[in-house]
Protein backbone atom coordinates (compact mmCIF):
# COMPACT_ATOMS: atom_id res chain seq x y z
CA MET A 1 -12.78 16.22 -20.32
CA GLU A 2 -9.45 18.08 -20.71
CA LEU A 3 -9.95 19.58 -17.24
CA SER A 4 -10.41 16.08 -15.78
CA ILE A 5 -7.24 14.86 -17.49
CA PHE A 6 -5.30 17.80 -16.03
CA GLY A 7 -6.79 17.00 -12.60
CA PHE A 8 -5.65 13.36 -12.79
CA ILE A 9 -2.12 14.41 -13.79
CA VAL A 10 -1.98 16.89 -10.90
CA ALA A 11 -3.30 14.20 -8.53
CA GLY A 12 -0.50 11.89 -9.66
CA LEU A 13 2.03 14.69 -9.19
CA VAL A 14 0.84 15.50 -5.64
CA VAL A 15 0.68 11.87 -4.50
CA GLY A 16 4.04 11.10 -6.09
CA PHE A 17 5.54 14.13 -4.35
CA ILE A 18 4.21 13.02 -0.94
CA VAL A 19 5.42 9.44 -1.48
CA GLY A 20 8.85 10.76 -2.46
CA MET A 21 9.07 12.88 0.69
CA THR A 22 7.63 10.46 3.24
CA GLY A 23 7.84 6.98 1.69
CA VAL A 24 4.16 6.36 2.47
CA GLY A 25 0.79 7.53 1.28
CA GLY A 26 0.60 6.09 -2.25
CA GLY A 27 -2.54 3.96 -2.23
CA SER A 28 -3.90 5.54 0.95
CA LEU A 29 -4.09 8.89 -0.84
CA MET A 30 -4.57 7.91 -4.48
CA THR A 31 -7.69 5.76 -4.08
CA PRO A 32 -9.62 8.37 -2.01
CA ILE A 33 -8.60 11.06 -4.53
CA LEU A 34 -9.99 8.95 -7.38
CA LEU A 35 -13.24 8.52 -5.44
CA ALA A 36 -13.41 12.31 -5.05
CA PHE A 37 -13.11 12.58 -8.85
CA GLY A 38 -16.23 10.40 -9.15
CA ILE A 39 -14.44 7.17 -10.13
CA ASN A 40 -16.40 4.20 -8.76
CA PRO A 41 -14.66 2.32 -5.91
CA ALA A 42 -13.94 -0.90 -7.84
CA THR A 43 -12.31 0.96 -10.75
CA ALA A 44 -10.38 3.22 -8.36
CA VAL A 45 -8.94 0.21 -6.52
CA GLY A 46 -8.12 -1.73 -9.69
CA THR A 47 -6.41 1.24 -11.34
CA ASP A 48 -4.46 2.13 -8.20
CA LEU A 49 -3.20 -1.46 -7.83
CA LEU A 50 -1.54 -1.49 -11.26
CA TYR A 51 -0.33 2.08 -10.65
CA ALA A 52 1.39 0.80 -7.47
CA ALA A 53 2.86 -2.25 -9.23
CA ILE A 54 4.42 -0.05 -11.93
CA THR A 55 5.74 2.69 -9.64
CA LYS A 56 7.21 0.24 -7.11
CA SER A 57 8.93 -1.88 -9.77
CA GLY A 58 11.60 0.79 -10.12
CA GLY A 59 12.15 0.63 -6.36
CA VAL A 60 12.71 -3.13 -6.54
CA LEU A 61 15.44 -2.70 -9.16
CA VAL A 62 17.26 -0.16 -6.99
CA HIS A 63 16.94 -2.24 -3.80
CA LYS A 64 18.00 -5.42 -5.61
CA LYS A 65 21.09 -3.68 -6.97
CA ASN A 66 21.98 -2.57 -3.43
CA ASP A 67 21.22 -6.02 -1.96
CA ASN A 68 18.46 -4.60 0.26
CA ILE A 69 15.97 -7.45 -0.22
CA ASP A 70 15.57 -10.55 1.95
CA TRP A 71 14.09 -12.95 -0.60
CA SER A 72 13.28 -15.56 2.05
CA ILE A 73 10.96 -13.16 3.92
CA THR A 74 9.51 -12.00 0.59
CA GLY A 75 8.74 -15.62 -0.27
CA TRP A 76 6.96 -16.36 3.02
CA LEU A 77 4.89 -13.16 2.72
CA THR A 78 3.97 -13.95 -0.89
CA LEU A 79 2.99 -17.51 0.09
CA GLY A 80 0.24 -15.98 2.21
CA SER A 81 -0.63 -12.79 0.33
CA VAL A 82 -1.10 -13.96 -3.26
CA PRO A 83 -3.53 -16.84 -2.47
CA ALA A 84 -5.40 -14.52 -0.07
CA ALA A 85 -5.64 -11.87 -2.80
CA ALA A 86 -6.92 -14.51 -5.26
CA LEU A 87 -9.62 -15.63 -2.81
CA THR A 88 -10.62 -12.02 -2.14
CA LEU A 89 -10.87 -11.38 -5.89
CA TRP A 90 -13.04 -14.51 -6.22
CA PHE A 91 -15.32 -13.13 -3.50
CA LEU A 92 -15.55 -9.76 -5.25
CA ASN A 93 -16.24 -11.48 -8.55
CA SER A 94 -19.19 -13.25 -6.93
CA LEU A 95 -20.61 -9.78 -6.23
CA HIS A 96 -19.91 -8.57 -9.76
CA THR A 97 -23.53 -9.09 -10.82
CA ASN A 98 -24.44 -6.60 -8.10
CA PRO A 99 -22.04 -3.66 -8.62
CA ASP A 100 -23.63 -1.62 -5.83
CA ALA A 101 -22.94 -4.37 -3.28
CA MET A 102 -19.34 -4.78 -4.48
CA ASN A 103 -18.66 -1.03 -4.37
CA ALA A 104 -20.21 -0.80 -0.89
CA VAL A 105 -17.94 -3.59 0.42
CA ILE A 106 -14.85 -1.96 -1.14
CA LYS A 107 -15.74 1.52 0.10
CA GLN A 108 -16.33 0.48 3.72
CA SER A 109 -13.23 -1.76 3.77
CA LEU A 110 -11.25 1.17 2.38
CA GLY A 111 -12.41 3.36 5.26
CA PHE A 112 -11.32 0.88 7.95
CA VAL A 113 -7.93 0.20 6.31
CA LEU A 114 -7.28 3.95 6.05
CA LEU A 115 -7.91 4.26 9.80
CA LEU A 116 -5.46 1.41 10.48
CA THR A 117 -2.90 3.04 8.19
CA ALA A 118 -3.26 6.34 10.05
CA LEU A 119 -2.61 4.55 13.37
CA ALA A 120 0.44 2.80 11.89
CA ILE A 121 1.84 6.16 10.73
CA LEU A 122 1.16 7.86 14.08
CA PHE A 123 2.54 5.12 16.32
CA LYS A 124 5.31 3.77 14.06
CA LYS A 125 8.15 5.04 16.24
CA ARG A 126 6.61 3.60 19.43
CA LEU A 127 6.06 0.25 17.73
CA LEU A 128 9.66 0.21 16.50
CA ALA A 129 10.93 1.10 19.97
CA PHE A 130 8.90 -1.78 21.44
CA ALA A 131 10.26 -4.21 18.84
CA HIS A 132 13.89 -3.22 19.48
CA LYS A 133 13.47 -3.21 23.27
CA HIS A 134 12.10 -6.76 23.34
CA ALA A 135 14.19 -8.21 20.51
CA GLY A 136 15.80 -11.40 21.77
CA ASP A 137 13.49 -12.07 24.73
CA HIS A 138 10.40 -14.29 24.88
CA TYR A 139 8.50 -11.87 22.64
CA HIS A 140 10.80 -12.56 19.68
CA LEU A 141 9.91 -15.66 17.64
CA SER A 142 12.21 -17.75 15.52
CA GLY A 143 12.19 -20.70 13.12
CA ARG A 144 8.87 -22.25 12.12
CA SER A 145 6.79 -19.96 14.33
CA LEU A 146 8.25 -16.84 12.73
CA ASN A 147 7.76 -18.24 9.21
CA ALA A 148 4.15 -19.16 10.01
CA LEU A 149 3.45 -15.71 11.44
CA THR A 150 5.00 -14.14 8.33
CA VAL A 151 2.64 -16.19 6.14
CA VAL A 152 -0.33 -15.08 8.30
CA THR A 153 0.82 -11.46 7.92
CA GLY A 154 0.89 -12.02 4.17
CA VAL A 155 -2.68 -13.37 4.26
CA ILE A 156 -3.90 -10.25 6.07
CA LEU A 157 -2.02 -7.90 3.73
CA GLY A 158 -3.18 -9.78 0.63
CA THR A 159 -6.81 -9.54 1.68
CA MET A 160 -6.58 -5.82 2.48
CA VAL A 161 -4.69 -4.96 -0.71
CA ALA A 162 -7.08 -6.86 -3.01
CA LEU A 163 -10.08 -5.21 -1.34
CA THR A 164 -8.76 -1.65 -1.03
CA SER A 165 -5.35 -1.34 -2.79
CA ILE A 166 -3.98 -0.20 0.62
CA GLY A 167 -1.92 -2.03 3.23
CA ALA A 168 1.26 -3.20 1.53
CA GLY A 169 3.06 0.08 2.36
CA ALA A 170 2.72 1.55 5.85
CA LEU A 171 1.05 -1.49 7.44
CA GLY A 172 3.35 -3.99 5.75
CA THR A 173 6.48 -2.13 6.80
CA VAL A 174 5.37 -1.83 10.44
CA ALA A 175 4.49 -5.55 10.53
CA LEU A 176 7.94 -6.47 9.22
CA PHE A 177 9.65 -4.18 11.74
CA ILE A 178 7.84 -5.97 14.56
CA LEU A 179 8.48 -9.48 13.22
CA TYR A 180 12.14 -8.89 12.26
CA PRO A 181 13.60 -6.28 14.66
CA PHE A 182 17.18 -7.41 13.98
CA LEU A 183 16.97 -6.82 10.22
CA ALA A 184 18.42 -3.54 8.94
CA THR A 185 15.81 -0.90 8.13
CA LYS A 186 16.88 -0.58 4.49
CA ARG A 187 16.48 -4.36 4.01
CA LEU A 188 13.03 -4.32 5.61
CA VAL A 189 11.92 -1.49 3.32
CA GLY A 190 13.39 -3.24 0.27
CA THR A 191 11.73 -6.52 1.26
CA GLU A 192 8.34 -4.84 1.68
CA ILE A 193 8.61 -3.24 -1.77
CA ALA A 194 9.71 -6.54 -3.34
CA HIS A 195 6.65 -8.22 -1.82
CA ALA A 196 4.30 -5.39 -2.82
CA VAL A 197 5.07 -5.62 -6.56
CA PRO A 198 3.81 -9.19 -7.25
CA LEU A 199 0.92 -8.70 -4.82
CA THR A 200 -0.33 -5.47 -6.41
CA LEU A 201 0.30 -6.87 -9.89
CA VAL A 202 -1.76 -10.03 -9.27
CA ALA A 203 -4.52 -8.09 -7.51
CA GLY A 204 -4.51 -5.38 -10.20
CA LEU A 205 -4.71 -7.86 -13.07
CA GLY A 206 -7.51 -9.66 -11.23
CA HIS A 207 -9.49 -6.43 -10.98
CA ALA A 208 -8.71 -5.68 -14.64
CA SER A 209 -10.15 -9.08 -15.65
CA MET A 210 -13.40 -8.02 -13.95
CA GLY A 211 -13.40 -4.73 -15.84
CA ASN A 212 -12.31 -2.69 -12.79
CA MET A 213 -9.65 -0.79 -14.69
CA ASP A 214 -9.32 2.49 -16.55
CA TRP A 215 -6.16 2.33 -18.67
CA SER A 216 -6.33 5.97 -19.77
CA LEU A 217 -6.65 7.07 -16.16
CA LEU A 218 -3.64 4.94 -15.24
CA SER A 219 -1.51 6.66 -17.89
CA TYR A 220 -2.51 10.14 -16.67
CA LEU A 221 -1.63 9.25 -13.07
CA LEU A 222 1.79 7.95 -14.12
CA ILE A 223 2.52 11.08 -16.16
CA GLY A 224 2.12 13.13 -12.99
CA SER A 225 3.49 10.76 -10.37
CA LEU A 226 6.87 9.88 -11.88
CA PRO A 227 8.21 13.46 -11.82
CA GLY A 228 6.40 13.97 -8.49
CA ILE A 229 8.30 11.09 -6.86
CA TYR A 230 11.55 12.43 -8.31
CA MET A 231 11.00 15.93 -6.90
CA GLY A 232 9.73 14.66 -3.54
CA SER A 233 12.73 12.35 -3.12
CA HIS A 234 15.12 15.26 -3.61
CA LEU A 235 13.26 17.36 -1.02
CA SER A 236 13.03 14.53 1.50
CA GLY A 237 14.25 15.71 4.90
CA ARG A 238 13.71 19.40 4.16
CA ILE A 239 10.44 19.31 6.10
CA SER A 240 10.46 17.60 9.50
CA ASP A 241 9.05 14.07 9.63
CA GLU A 242 7.45 15.09 12.94
CA VAL A 243 5.27 17.55 10.98
CA LEU A 244 4.59 15.53 7.82
CA ARG A 245 3.50 12.23 9.37
CA PRO A 246 0.92 13.62 11.84
CA CYS A 247 -0.60 15.78 9.08
CA LEU A 248 -0.84 12.78 6.78
CA ALA A 249 -2.31 10.63 9.57
CA VAL A 250 -4.97 13.22 10.48
CA MET A 251 -5.99 13.49 6.83
CA LEU A 252 -6.29 9.69 6.55
CA VAL A 253 -8.37 9.51 9.74
CA PHE A 254 -10.79 12.09 8.34
CA ILE A 255 -11.11 10.32 4.97
CA GLY A 256 -11.27 6.84 6.54
CA TYR A 257 -13.98 7.81 9.03
CA LYS A 258 -16.05 9.41 6.28
CA LEU A 259 -15.81 6.28 4.07
CA ALA A 260 -16.34 3.74 6.87
CA PHE A 261 -19.20 5.47 8.67
């Protein structure tokens, strides 16, 4: 048992370090790692959701202090994501009498979302270039259409996050970059984090109410991840982003394909 505890702490340290260096990879790495430790998919997702809510709360405080959050965009995203997460949790709860079916749905969904996350990481720069190139022409929406599309984006993210604990980070940031190309990068990142906290908290508490939570495991992950994020943040930029992101994407493709197929 002591060896497992040490393994969980090291897992938290490694994932925290990668998140600190790259800004992505939290849920997309943590949940597969927990599966590799033999944690069942539902418990892995539930634990990772509250882990994300706690670790990202500190980010919200920093971004709020620096005025890096667009609360209007956060509100429209939340309007779509939280109800979608609640409906997804209701669907999972209907499968709760059949744990094998619920874990199968979560595991396969996790695989597909990991593949999407890998694509978002690989093609992020091209997507951003497209958004900036066409900002202001017929591609760019405004007013009610933009708000409606933001709500729809929230619905998609809420569903993915409640099912897999993944999506609010890399996918959410890319979606916001495309929808709001004129908004400063630091405000987009801050807005995504501000949206992720209530979403992961609601989804995590929903999973906890179904028993999909291991509180001891959560504490071990936090013990490792908090210093890991600190160290990774201080080393950010020392290793080229052109090396880190492709390596991370290839790893996610491998894990996602294995889970999905």
